Amino acid sequence: MSTVVVVLSILLACVFLGSGLAKLANVDAMKKSAEQLGYSATTSRVIGALEVAAAAGLIVGLFWMPLGLAAAIGLTLLMIGAVYYHVRAKDAVSHIVPPGALALLSAATAVLIAIA
């Protein structure tokens, strides 16, 4: 496994673990974001659980590549959905770029794992 895959996997795992735990804890900023995007606190918690599971999948995927690939693909799809919801809510570009960048990083990670 390449150093790039390891670094990207750990970076993404840290980002999504933090984001997922904040959603699961129903932090005010996450609650407000969910309301603004038009989905419930329950949906936000489900997304948080998916993010935490994917973070774990990326770390375990360093030892078992199929799980890392599945986690990276799942995060790519999740972030594409986030971009869609932010665009639909007519959010500022500054709110659309982070999930877009994370989608690209997740997709790059998936491709690098797949060709490894």
C-alpha atoms as a PDB file:
ATOM      1  CA  MET A   1       0.000   0.000   0.000  1.00  0.00           C
ATOM      2  CA  SER A   2       1.368   3.393  -0.959  1.00  0.00           C
ATOM      3  CA  THR A   3       2.223   6.179   1.453  1.00  0.00           C
ATOM      4  CA  VAL A   4      -0.289   8.431  -0.321  1.00  0.00           C
ATOM      5  CA  VAL A   5      -3.133   5.989   0.370  1.00  0.00           C
ATOM      6  CA  VAL A   6      -2.125   5.708   4.023  1.00  0.00           C
ATOM      7  CA  VAL A   7      -1.921   9.490   4.456  1.00  0.00           C
ATOM      8  CA  LEU A   8      -5.226  10.141   2.644  1.00  0.00           C
ATOM      9  CA  SER A   9      -6.987   7.377   4.578  1.00  0.00           C
ATOM     10  CA  ILE A  10      -5.801   8.689   7.940  1.00  0.00           C
ATOM     11  CA  LEU A  11      -6.608  12.299   6.995  1.00  0.00           C
ATOM     12  CA  LEU A  12     -10.108  11.420   5.818  1.00  0.00           C
ATOM     13  CA  ALA A  13     -10.685   9.201   8.861  1.00  0.00           C
ATOM     14  CA  CYS A  14      -9.789  12.070  11.204  1.00  0.00           C
ATOM     15  CA  VAL A  15     -12.008  14.562   9.379  1.00  0.00           C
ATOM     16  CA  PHE A  16     -15.007  12.247   9.221  1.00  0.00           C
ATOM     17  CA  LEU A  17     -14.585  10.936  12.756  1.00  0.00           C
ATOM     18  CA  GLY A  18     -14.753  14.499  14.059  1.00  0.00           C
ATOM     19  CA  SER A  19     -17.662  15.456  11.848  1.00  0.00           C
ATOM     20  CA  GLY A  20     -19.554  12.251  12.556  1.00  0.00           C
ATOM     21  CA  LEU A  21     -19.127  12.481  16.315  1.00  0.00           C
ATOM     22  CA  ALA A  22     -20.316  16.102  16.247  1.00  0.00           C
ATOM     23  CA  LYS A  23     -23.449  15.032  14.384  1.00  0.00           C
ATOM     24  CA  LEU A  24     -24.034  12.132  16.769  1.00  0.00           C
ATOM     25  CA  ALA A  25     -23.642  14.482  19.752  1.00  0.00           C
ATOM     26  CA  ASN A  26     -26.154  16.845  18.128  1.00  0.00           C
ATOM     27  CA  VAL A  27     -23.786  19.828  18.446  1.00  0.00           C
ATOM     28  CA  ASP A  28     -25.600  23.128  17.879  1.00  0.00           C
ATOM     29  CA  ALA A  29     -23.704  23.945  14.669  1.00  0.00           C
ATOM     30  CA  MET A  30     -24.643  20.558  13.207  1.00  0.00           C
ATOM     31  CA  LYS A  31     -28.246  20.956  14.310  1.00  0.00           C
ATOM     32  CA  LYS A  32     -28.470  24.387  12.646  1.00  0.00           C
ATOM     33  CA  SER A  33     -26.845  23.067   9.477  1.00  0.00           C
ATOM     34  CA  ALA A  34     -29.327  20.187   9.283  1.00  0.00           C
ATOM     35  CA  GLU A  35     -32.261  22.578   9.709  1.00  0.00           C
ATOM     36  CA  GLN A  36     -30.861  24.931   7.077  1.00  0.00           C
ATOM     37  CA  LEU A  37     -30.391  22.062   4.633  1.00  0.00           C
ATOM     38  CA  GLY A  38     -33.896  20.787   5.284  1.00  0.00           C
ATOM     39  CA  TYR A  39     -33.394  17.507   7.084  1.00  0.00           C
ATOM     40  CA  SER A  40     -34.111  16.334  10.599  1.00  0.00           C
ATOM     41  CA  ALA A  41     -31.808  15.870  13.576  1.00  0.00           C
ATOM     42  CA  THR A  42     -32.412  12.132  13.235  1.00  0.00           C
ATOM     43  CA  THR A  43     -31.177  12.179   9.648  1.00  0.00           C
ATOM     44  CA  SER A  44     -28.154  14.187  10.787  1.00  0.00           C
ATOM     45  CA  ARG A  45     -27.374  11.515  13.374  1.00  0.00           C
ATOM     46  CA  VAL A  46     -27.677   8.767  10.746  1.00  0.00           C
ATOM     47  CA  ILE A  47     -25.241  10.673   8.540  1.00  0.00           C
ATOM     48  CA  GLY A  48     -22.957  11.041  11.567  1.00  0.00           C
ATOM     49  CA  ALA A  49     -23.080   7.306  12.193  1.00  0.00           C
ATOM     50  CA  LEU A  50     -22.225   6.647   8.529  1.00  0.00           C
ATOM     51  CA  GLU A  51     -19.280   9.039   8.772  1.00  0.00           C
ATOM     52  CA  VAL A  52     -17.950   7.350  11.915  1.00  0.00           C
ATOM     53  CA  ALA A  53     -18.381   3.907  10.339  1.00  0.00           C
ATOM     54  CA  ALA A  54     -16.574   5.051   7.198  1.00  0.00           C
ATOM     55  CA  ALA A  55     -13.740   6.512   9.293  1.00  0.00           C
ATOM     56  CA  ALA A  56     -13.345   3.138  10.989  1.00  0.00           C
ATOM     57  CA  GLY A  57     -13.544   1.439   7.588  1.00  0.00           C
ATOM     58  CA  LEU A  58     -10.723   3.586   6.243  1.00  0.00           C
ATOM     59  CA  ILE A  59      -8.478   2.672   9.167  1.00  0.00           C
ATOM     60  CA  VAL A  60      -9.297  -1.043   9.028  1.00  0.00           C
ATOM     61  CA  GLY A  61      -8.918  -0.754   5.246  1.00  0.00           C
ATOM     62  CA  LEU A  62      -5.223  -0.097   5.744  1.00  0.00           C
ATOM     63  CA  PHE A  63      -5.031  -3.786   6.679  1.00  0.00           C
ATOM     64  CA  TRP A  64      -7.922  -5.153   4.582  1.00  0.00           C
ATOM     65  CA  MET A  65      -8.188  -3.173   1.351  1.00  0.00           C
ATOM     66  CA  PRO A  66     -11.751  -4.141   0.312  1.00  0.00           C
ATOM     67  CA  LEU A  67     -13.144  -2.405   3.412  1.00  0.00           C
ATOM     68  CA  GLY A  68     -11.058   0.707   2.790  1.00  0.00           C
ATOM     69  CA  LEU A  69     -12.303   0.816  -0.801  1.00  0.00           C
ATOM     70  CA  ALA A  70     -15.920   0.458   0.286  1.00  0.00           C
ATOM     71  CA  ALA A  71     -15.489   3.213   2.890  1.00  0.00           C
ATOM     72  CA  ALA A  72     -13.871   5.584   0.382  1.00  0.00           C
ATOM     73  CA  ILE A  73     -16.633   4.953  -2.168  1.00  0.00           C
ATOM     74  CA  GLY A  74     -19.302   5.448   0.507  1.00  0.00           C
ATOM     75  CA  LEU A  75     -17.758   8.742   1.586  1.00  0.00           C
ATOM     76  CA  THR A  76     -17.569   9.901  -2.017  1.00  0.00           C
ATOM     77  CA  LEU A  77     -21.281   9.247  -2.458  1.00  0.00           C
ATOM     78  CA  LEU A  78     -22.107  10.848   0.898  1.00  0.00           C
ATOM     79  CA  MET A  79     -20.186  14.001  -0.011  1.00  0.00           C
ATOM     80  CA  ILE A  80     -21.801  14.192  -3.449  1.00  0.00           C
ATOM     81  CA  GLY A  81     -25.108  14.152  -1.586  1.00  0.00           C
ATOM     82  CA  ALA A  82     -23.843  16.911   0.726  1.00  0.00           C
ATOM     83  CA  VAL A  83     -22.878  19.064  -2.258  1.00  0.00           C
ATOM     84  CA  TYR A  84     -26.340  18.501  -3.746  1.00  0.00           C
ATOM     85  CA  TYR A  85     -28.082  19.563  -0.526  1.00  0.00           C
ATOM     86  CA  HIS A  86     -25.913  22.670  -0.174  1.00  0.00           C
ATOM     87  CA  VAL A  87     -26.569  23.680  -3.790  1.00  0.00           C
ATOM     88  CA  ARG A  88     -30.289  23.006  -3.374  1.00  0.00           C
ATOM     89  CA  ALA A  89     -30.330  25.226  -0.273  1.00  0.00           C
ATOM     90  CA  LYS A  90     -28.577  27.953  -2.303  1.00  0.00           C
ATOM     91  CA  ASP A  91     -25.704  28.043   0.174  1.00  0.00           C
ATOM     92  CA  ALA A  92     -22.659  30.205  -0.390  1.00  0.00           C
ATOM     93  CA  VAL A  93     -19.766  28.687  -2.304  1.00  0.00           C
ATOM     94  CA  SER A  94     -17.829  28.620   0.973  1.00  0.00           C
ATOM     95  CA  HIS A  95     -20.294  25.977   2.220  1.00  0.00           C
ATOM     96  CA  ILE A  96     -20.202  23.949  -0.997  1.00  0.00           C
ATOM     97  CA  VAL A  97     -16.427  23.717  -1.474  1.00  0.00           C
ATOM     98  CA  PRO A  98     -15.560  21.657   1.657  1.00  0.00           C
ATOM     99  CA  PRO A  99     -17.852  18.698   0.877  1.00  0.00           C
ATOM    100  CA  GLY A 100     -16.828  18.975  -2.773  1.00  0.00           C
ATOM    101  CA  ALA A 101     -13.155  18.793  -1.847  1.00  0.00           C
ATOM    102  CA  LEU A 102     -13.827  15.877   0.501  1.00  0.00           C
ATOM    103  CA  ALA A 103     -15.716  14.103  -2.300  1.00  0.00           C
ATOM    104  CA  LEU A 104     -12.693  14.506  -4.573  1.00  0.00           C
ATOM    105  CA  LEU A 105     -10.267  13.324  -1.878  1.00  0.00           C
ATOM    106  CA  SER A 106     -12.480  10.327  -1.108  1.00  0.00           C
ATOM    107  CA  ALA A 107     -12.767   9.467  -4.801  1.00  0.00           C
ATOM    108  CA  ALA A 108      -8.991   9.791  -5.246  1.00  0.00           C
ATOM    109  CA  THR A 109      -8.477   7.503  -2.267  1.00  0.00           C
ATOM    110  CA  ALA A 110     -10.888   4.941  -3.731  1.00  0.00           C
ATOM    111  CA  VAL A 111      -9.092   5.000  -7.084  1.00  0.00           C
ATOM    112  CA  LEU A 112      -5.669   4.666  -5.473  1.00  0.00           C
ATOM    113  CA  ILE A 113      -6.851   1.747  -3.349  1.00  0.00           C
ATOM    114  CA  ALA A 114      -8.419   0.070  -6.382  1.00  0.00           C
ATOM    115  CA  ILE A 115      -5.262   0.269  -8.468  1.00  0.00           C
ATOM    116  CA  ALA A 116      -2.957  -0.789  -5.624  1.00  0.00           C
END
